[in-house]
Amino acid sequence: MALFGSLFRKKSDPSSWDELWTVLAPYGGRVTPSSTQTWLQAAANMDPKMLAKAKGQLERAYDLLDTEAVARFAGEAPFTGSDRPFARRRFLRTVDAVIVAGPEAVARVVADPSYLRSYDSSPAVAPYETPDPEGYLGDRWDVERWKDPLHRMIWKDVLVSLSTRRQKAWPSVADDSAAQMFHLDPEYGWVDVDASSIAAEQGAPVEAVDGWTGAGIEASKRLYAALGSVVERPDVLGLVAVVVLSQAEWDGEAEDGDEVRDGVLNLGIDRQATELDIAFSAEECAIEDQEERVELLVGRAAHALLVFDLPFTGAQAATLGELARSREGLGR
């Protein structure tokens, strides 16, 4: 038993994680845009075996720091339970700052979680804005995949949801349903208009802000501003996404038995996530003026949000109706 106890303590002792601190050295002790680029360049030439071992040690660091006890000292409004939004993304950026600062910093915060405040220099990020640097330490570990903009869009928030193993460190959000509510972060807009599929079909860079993806982000901002913050969203809805597809792709997505109303495909409505898919005609997909794209997306998305009688307040429903009607001349 003494031998196993010694091995366990060694695995949990940050000072013993030599590979992790070697791999993270290019950050220079801080996560900044420039240090992130320096690390990405250095990591591309590191020994894969060392990176793999260090990744395991990074997971141990997250196990020690990604806890409800530590999160109570994150941000201006610390975590107080699953009944209100929690700025998890800011918390995770602060955890990364602790890890990059080195083994002494990790051990210090583990011993006294209030020291997390010393590393909480990450500025708050407005909904639909991108933190700089983007993603978290673990997200960027696979450098080649991280270079792919589509991969970053899809996987950059992989750490936001709690793994089953880590949920025990969050007693107030121990059940799966509550843990998933972390995506209702004040930094993250709860209404998402996703037009990246149109950009991908056209062979355009999916991350281009002057393309369909950027138009979707701008449309999301406008709907969010019209409907209110995460606190004002209907409680029975999680992240609400209106996904825009070409007509051909939409036809291939819809299956027998799916619920379709007035051109809107319902892929699920619940507290975890709501997805409604709509189709754009070839003429609509060919629109090149960016403001016209945004206006069209706002109107069509507003219409989609009304079709299935989602539990918006009377004022929210009236606002959506106005947005849908004011853009009827642009499509539908």
Foldseek 3Di string as FASTA:
>chain_A
DVVVVVVVVLLLQQVNLVLQLVLLVQLVLADALVSVVSSLVVLVPDDPVSLVSNLVSVVSLCLLQVFLQLQQQADPHGDDFLPDAGQVVLVQNLSLSQVSNGRVSSVVCSVPSNCSNVSSPQDQAAALDAGVVFAGPSLCSPVVLVVQPVSCVVCRCVVQADDLVSLVRYVRQNDRLSSLLNCLHNRHQLEFEAALQLCVVVVHRSPDLLDLRVLRSVLSVVLCVQQDGSVRDPQFFGREYEYEEAPVVVVVVDDPPFDDDPQWTWPDGGNNHTYIYHHDYPVLSPDNHSVLSNLVSNQVVLVNVPGVPPPGDPSSNVSSVVSNVVCVVSGD
